[in-house]
Amino acid sequence: DSLPPDGEAFRLGLQGFDEIARQKFGCDFQSLTTKKQNEVLKLARSGEIILENRRDFDFALFLEELLAEFAETFYAHPLA
């Protein structure tokens, strides 16, 4: 209940990753190396970077929800 509905949460969370990447590295999340992408995710999880327009968005909770969605999708596959 702390996050908006799924569609909006995904949009805000992924846009937030891009904003953190631009703030920290000067480019979007997708353009970063894997090492720098991991750093962005760690920053989002730790709350070290505050985005002015996303102060009330819980990135740590979003990442937890995102990982749960990935696991559900993986285990929904018949070969899993």
Protein backbone atom coordinates (compact mmCIF):
# COMPACT_ATOMS: atom_id res chain seq x y z
CA ASP A 1 0.00 0.00 0.00
CA SER A 2 3.02 2.30 0.26
CA LEU A 3 3.49 2.37 -3.51
CA PRO A 4 1.12 3.60 -6.20
CA PRO A 5 -0.67 1.01 -8.39
CA ASP A 6 1.71 -1.29 -10.29
CA GLY A 7 1.67 0.53 -13.64
CA GLU A 8 2.39 3.89 -12.09
CA ALA A 9 4.96 2.43 -9.68
CA PHE A 10 6.88 0.86 -12.57
CA ARG A 11 6.79 4.10 -14.55
CA LEU A 12 7.94 6.22 -11.60
CA GLY A 13 10.56 3.71 -10.46
CA LEU A 14 12.16 3.24 -13.87
CA GLN A 15 12.11 6.97 -14.55
CA GLY A 16 13.74 7.42 -11.16
CA PHE A 17 16.58 5.07 -12.12
CA ASP A 18 17.19 7.24 -15.18
CA GLU A 19 17.16 10.39 -13.06
CA ILE A 20 19.62 8.92 -10.57
CA ALA A 21 21.88 7.80 -13.44
CA ARG A 22 21.79 11.29 -14.98
CA GLN A 23 22.45 12.92 -11.61
CA LYS A 24 25.36 10.62 -10.79
CA PHE A 25 26.85 9.82 -14.22
CA GLY A 26 25.37 12.26 -16.71
CA CYS A 27 23.53 9.73 -18.88
CA ASP A 28 20.48 7.47 -18.78
CA PHE A 29 20.42 4.14 -16.93
CA GLN A 30 20.42 2.02 -20.09
CA SER A 31 23.64 3.63 -21.36
CA LEU A 32 25.59 2.76 -18.21
CA THR A 33 27.92 -0.17 -17.78
CA THR A 34 26.64 -3.02 -15.63
CA LYS A 35 28.88 -1.89 -12.78
CA LYS A 36 27.44 1.64 -12.86
CA GLN A 37 23.88 0.30 -13.20
CA ASN A 38 24.47 -1.73 -10.04
CA GLU A 39 25.71 1.42 -8.33
CA VAL A 40 22.52 3.26 -9.31
CA LEU A 41 20.41 0.42 -7.90
CA LYS A 42 22.42 0.46 -4.67
CA LEU A 43 21.94 4.23 -4.39
CA ALA A 44 18.21 3.88 -5.00
CA ARG A 45 17.96 1.13 -2.39
CA SER A 46 19.97 2.99 0.22
CA GLY A 47 18.18 6.31 -0.23
CA GLU A 48 21.51 8.15 -0.56
CA ILE A 49 20.21 10.15 -3.50
CA ILE A 50 17.00 12.10 -3.07
CA LEU A 51 15.08 13.06 -6.19
CA GLU A 52 13.22 16.33 -5.72
CA ASN A 53 10.14 15.20 -7.65
CA ARG A 54 10.08 11.72 -6.06
CA ARG A 55 10.60 12.46 -2.35
CA ASP A 56 7.62 10.32 -1.37
CA PHE A 57 8.53 7.35 -3.60
CA ASP A 58 10.08 4.40 -1.73
CA PHE A 59 12.75 3.10 -4.11
CA ALA A 60 13.84 0.35 -1.69
CA LEU A 61 10.31 -1.03 -1.60
CA PHE A 62 9.99 -0.63 -5.37
CA LEU A 63 13.15 -2.71 -5.89
CA GLU A 64 11.81 -5.40 -3.56
CA GLU A 65 8.54 -5.48 -5.52
CA LEU A 66 10.41 -5.50 -8.84
CA LEU A 67 12.53 -8.49 -7.79
CA ALA A 68 9.39 -10.33 -6.63
CA GLU A 69 7.82 -9.70 -10.05
CA PHE A 70 10.95 -11.04 -11.77
CA ALA A 71 10.85 -14.20 -9.64
CA GLU A 72 7.13 -14.73 -10.35
CA THR A 73 7.73 -14.30 -14.08
CA PHE A 74 10.69 -16.70 -14.04
CA TYR A 75 8.87 -19.42 -12.11
CA ALA A 76 5.75 -19.04 -14.27
CA HIS A 77 7.73 -20.46 -17.19
CA PRO A 78 7.01 -24.17 -17.76
CA LEU A 79 10.69 -25.13 -17.75
CA ALA A 80 11.23 -23.56 -14.33
